[in-house]
Amino acid sequence: MPTHTSTILVVEDDAIVRMLIVDVLEELDFNVLEADGSEQALETLKDVNQHIDLMMTDVGLPIMDGRQLATEARVLRPALPILFASGYAETIEVPADMHVIGKPFSIDQLRDKVKGILGQ
């Protein structure tokens, strides 16, 4: 049975894309939490008993976009690393202490980006 060293919250409103990201991260031995949007993500982030090492969020979420979610997430968890996934990665502006990966991405790109952020 694999040992999960880090927990990643994946926020993606497209169920198929979310499933693929979750499957890849679990294959890489990460513990993965899922949220289908910002409201569900915020509920997970508010749970003080839930350890989260990284939040990976789509930029284009309904109701509250990924950047707004990141702002709220940092209020709740100031040191939480954040990785944005975007089809427009080359044009998205994010704070210097946050990260971006362009969609579509390969398994290797996702693995390298996540492990780099987590210092693994």
C-alpha atoms as a PDB file:
ATOM      1  CA  MET A   1       0.000   0.000   0.000  1.00  0.00           C
ATOM      2  CA  PRO A   2       1.525   3.370  -0.981  1.00  0.00           C
ATOM      3  CA  THR A   3       2.457   5.935   1.633  1.00  0.00           C
ATOM      4  CA  HIS A   4       0.966   9.319   0.870  1.00  0.00           C
ATOM      5  CA  THR A   5       3.447  11.991   1.794  1.00  0.00           C
ATOM      6  CA  SER A   6       1.480  15.061   0.752  1.00  0.00           C
ATOM      7  CA  THR A   7      -2.169  16.013   0.412  1.00  0.00           C
ATOM      8  CA  ILE A   8      -3.307  18.008  -2.614  1.00  0.00           C
ATOM      9  CA  LEU A   9      -6.673  19.724  -2.949  1.00  0.00           C
ATOM     10  CA  VAL A  10      -7.718  19.655  -6.626  1.00  0.00           C
ATOM     11  CA  VAL A  11     -10.327  22.262  -7.587  1.00  0.00           C
ATOM     12  CA  GLU A  12     -11.749  21.710 -11.071  1.00  0.00           C
ATOM     13  CA  ASP A  13     -15.327  22.185 -12.269  1.00  0.00           C
ATOM     14  CA  ASP A  14     -14.963  19.846 -15.280  1.00  0.00           C
ATOM     15  CA  ALA A  15     -15.596  16.369 -13.830  1.00  0.00           C
ATOM     16  CA  ILE A  16     -13.578  14.527 -16.492  1.00  0.00           C
ATOM     17  CA  VAL A  17     -10.552  16.808 -16.173  1.00  0.00           C
ATOM     18  CA  ARG A  18     -10.769  16.604 -12.367  1.00  0.00           C
ATOM     19  CA  MET A  19     -10.934  12.798 -12.508  1.00  0.00           C
ATOM     20  CA  LEU A  20      -7.865  12.621 -14.760  1.00  0.00           C
ATOM     21  CA  ILE A  21      -5.830  14.976 -12.533  1.00  0.00           C
ATOM     22  CA  VAL A  22      -6.862  13.074  -9.403  1.00  0.00           C
ATOM     23  CA  ASP A  23      -5.985   9.720 -11.005  1.00  0.00           C
ATOM     24  CA  VAL A  24      -2.542  10.958 -12.046  1.00  0.00           C
ATOM     25  CA  LEU A  25      -1.771  12.452  -8.634  1.00  0.00           C
ATOM     26  CA  GLU A  26      -2.911   9.290  -6.858  1.00  0.00           C
ATOM     27  CA  GLU A  27      -0.714   7.207  -9.184  1.00  0.00           C
ATOM     28  CA  LEU A  28       2.155   9.458  -8.077  1.00  0.00           C
ATOM     29  CA  ASP A  29       1.322   8.486  -4.460  1.00  0.00           C
ATOM     30  CA  PHE A  30      -0.238  11.759  -3.366  1.00  0.00           C
ATOM     31  CA  ASN A  31      -3.306  11.892  -1.152  1.00  0.00           C
ATOM     32  CA  VAL A  32      -5.914  13.851  -3.118  1.00  0.00           C
ATOM     33  CA  LEU A  33      -8.981  15.800  -2.037  1.00  0.00           C
ATOM     34  CA  GLU A  34     -11.458  16.936  -4.687  1.00  0.00           C
ATOM     35  CA  ALA A  35     -13.643  20.005  -5.051  1.00  0.00           C
ATOM     36  CA  ASP A  36     -15.900  20.756  -8.002  1.00  0.00           C
ATOM     37  CA  GLY A  37     -15.767  24.499  -7.403  1.00  0.00           C
ATOM     38  CA  SER A  38     -14.751  27.310  -5.098  1.00  0.00           C
ATOM     39  CA  GLU A  39     -17.537  26.804  -2.549  1.00  0.00           C
ATOM     40  CA  GLN A  40     -16.660  23.157  -1.958  1.00  0.00           C
ATOM     41  CA  ALA A  41     -12.947  24.051  -1.867  1.00  0.00           C
ATOM     42  CA  LEU A  42     -13.514  26.720   0.776  1.00  0.00           C
ATOM     43  CA  GLU A  43     -15.451  24.257   2.942  1.00  0.00           C
ATOM     44  CA  THR A  44     -12.510  21.860   2.753  1.00  0.00           C
ATOM     45  CA  LEU A  45     -10.036  24.652   3.508  1.00  0.00           C
ATOM     46  CA  LYS A  46     -12.071  25.755   6.550  1.00  0.00           C
ATOM     47  CA  ASP A  47     -11.765  22.274   8.090  1.00  0.00           C
ATOM     48  CA  VAL A  48      -8.920  22.852  10.536  1.00  0.00           C
ATOM     49  CA  ASN A  49      -8.514  19.094  10.998  1.00  0.00           C
ATOM     50  CA  GLN A  50      -7.819  18.563   7.281  1.00  0.00           C
ATOM     51  CA  HIS A  51      -4.131  18.783   6.370  1.00  0.00           C
ATOM     52  CA  ILE A  52      -3.481  20.234   2.903  1.00  0.00           C
ATOM     53  CA  ASP A  53       0.001  20.680   1.415  1.00  0.00           C
ATOM     54  CA  LEU A  54      -1.001  22.205  -1.938  1.00  0.00           C
ATOM     55  CA  MET A  55      -4.101  23.535  -3.668  1.00  0.00           C
ATOM     56  CA  MET A  56      -4.253  23.026  -7.425  1.00  0.00           C
ATOM     57  CA  THR A  57      -7.059  25.052  -8.979  1.00  0.00           C
ATOM     58  CA  ASP A  58      -8.441  25.770 -12.395  1.00  0.00           C
ATOM     59  CA  VAL A  59      -8.417  29.494 -13.151  1.00  0.00           C
ATOM     60  CA  GLY A  60     -11.771  29.514 -14.947  1.00  0.00           C
ATOM     61  CA  LEU A  61     -14.165  28.434 -12.211  1.00  0.00           C
ATOM     62  CA  PRO A  62     -17.781  29.611 -12.100  1.00  0.00           C
ATOM     63  CA  ILE A  63     -19.003  31.917  -9.303  1.00  0.00           C
ATOM     64  CA  MET A  64     -15.530  32.622  -7.876  1.00  0.00           C
ATOM     65  CA  ASP A  65     -12.580  32.210 -10.249  1.00  0.00           C
ATOM     66  CA  GLY A  66      -9.335  30.508  -9.280  1.00  0.00           C
ATOM     67  CA  ARG A  67      -7.541  33.743  -8.432  1.00  0.00           C
ATOM     68  CA  GLN A  68     -10.345  34.854  -6.115  1.00  0.00           C
ATOM     69  CA  LEU A  69     -10.339  31.393  -4.552  1.00  0.00           C
ATOM     70  CA  ALA A  70      -6.578  31.631  -4.016  1.00  0.00           C
ATOM     71  CA  THR A  71      -7.026  34.959  -2.224  1.00  0.00           C
ATOM     72  CA  GLU A  72      -9.651  33.447   0.084  1.00  0.00           C
ATOM     73  CA  ALA A  73      -7.543  30.307   0.582  1.00  0.00           C
ATOM     74  CA  ARG A  74      -4.592  32.404   1.717  1.00  0.00           C
ATOM     75  CA  VAL A  75      -6.796  34.148   4.291  1.00  0.00           C
ATOM     76  CA  LEU A  76      -7.648  30.742   5.753  1.00  0.00           C
ATOM     77  CA  ARG A  77      -4.204  29.187   5.254  1.00  0.00           C
ATOM     78  CA  PRO A  78      -1.577  31.900   4.682  1.00  0.00           C
ATOM     79  CA  ALA A  79       1.309  29.565   3.825  1.00  0.00           C
ATOM     80  CA  LEU A  80      -0.629  27.266   1.474  1.00  0.00           C
ATOM     81  CA  PRO A  81       1.175  26.728  -1.849  1.00  0.00           C
ATOM     82  CA  ILE A  82      -1.116  27.329  -4.822  1.00  0.00           C
ATOM     83  CA  LEU A  83      -0.841  25.939  -8.348  1.00  0.00           C
ATOM     84  CA  PHE A  84      -3.075  27.366 -11.057  1.00  0.00           C
ATOM     85  CA  ALA A  85      -3.949  25.229 -14.081  1.00  0.00           C
ATOM     86  CA  SER A  86      -4.867  27.236 -17.151  1.00  0.00           C
ATOM     87  CA  GLY A  87      -5.201  26.865 -20.879  1.00  0.00           C
ATOM     88  CA  TYR A  88      -3.846  30.410 -21.033  1.00  0.00           C
ATOM     89  CA  ALA A  89      -0.815  29.934 -18.778  1.00  0.00           C
ATOM     90  CA  GLU A  90       1.379  32.254 -20.819  1.00  0.00           C
ATOM     91  CA  THR A  91      -1.019  35.180 -20.343  1.00  0.00           C
ATOM     92  CA  ILE A  92      -2.202  34.661 -16.760  1.00  0.00           C
ATOM     93  CA  GLU A  93      -0.788  36.941 -14.093  1.00  0.00           C
ATOM     94  CA  VAL A  94      -0.342  35.389 -10.665  1.00  0.00           C
ATOM     95  CA  PRO A  95       1.410  36.578  -7.517  1.00  0.00           C
ATOM     96  CA  ALA A  96       5.110  35.757  -7.359  1.00  0.00           C
ATOM     97  CA  ASP A  97       4.563  33.212  -4.588  1.00  0.00           C
ATOM     98  CA  MET A  98       2.054  31.183  -6.625  1.00  0.00           C
ATOM     99  CA  HIS A  99       2.598  28.822  -9.561  1.00  0.00           C
ATOM    100  CA  VAL A 100       1.048  28.067 -12.966  1.00  0.00           C
ATOM    101  CA  ILE A 101       0.928  24.999 -15.192  1.00  0.00           C
ATOM    102  CA  GLY A 102      -0.448  25.204 -18.719  1.00  0.00           C
ATOM    103  CA  LYS A 103      -3.264  22.978 -19.925  1.00  0.00           C
ATOM    104  CA  PRO A 104      -2.946  20.543 -21.470  1.00  0.00           C
ATOM    105  CA  PHE A 105      -0.016  19.178 -19.486  1.00  0.00           C
ATOM    106  CA  SER A 106       1.712  15.820 -19.499  1.00  0.00           C
ATOM    107  CA  ILE A 107       1.942  13.482 -16.539  1.00  0.00           C
ATOM    108  CA  ASP A 108       5.660  14.260 -16.318  1.00  0.00           C
ATOM    109  CA  GLN A 109       5.032  18.020 -16.359  1.00  0.00           C
ATOM    110  CA  LEU A 110       2.456  17.714 -13.582  1.00  0.00           C
ATOM    111  CA  ARG A 111       4.694  15.444 -11.506  1.00  0.00           C
ATOM    112  CA  ASP A 112       7.703  17.735 -11.881  1.00  0.00           C
ATOM    113  CA  LYS A 113       5.709  20.888 -11.117  1.00  0.00           C
ATOM    114  CA  VAL A 114       4.009  19.463  -8.023  1.00  0.00           C
ATOM    115  CA  LYS A 115       7.171  17.893  -6.640  1.00  0.00           C
ATOM    116  CA  GLY A 116       9.069  21.123  -7.300  1.00  0.00           C
ATOM    117  CA  ILE A 117       6.503  23.183  -5.398  1.00  0.00           C
ATOM    118  CA  LEU A 118       6.485  20.711  -2.512  1.00  0.00           C
ATOM    119  CA  GLY A 119      10.286  20.485  -2.459  1.00  0.00           C
ATOM    120  CA  GLN A 120      10.363  16.742  -3.154  1.00  0.00           C
END
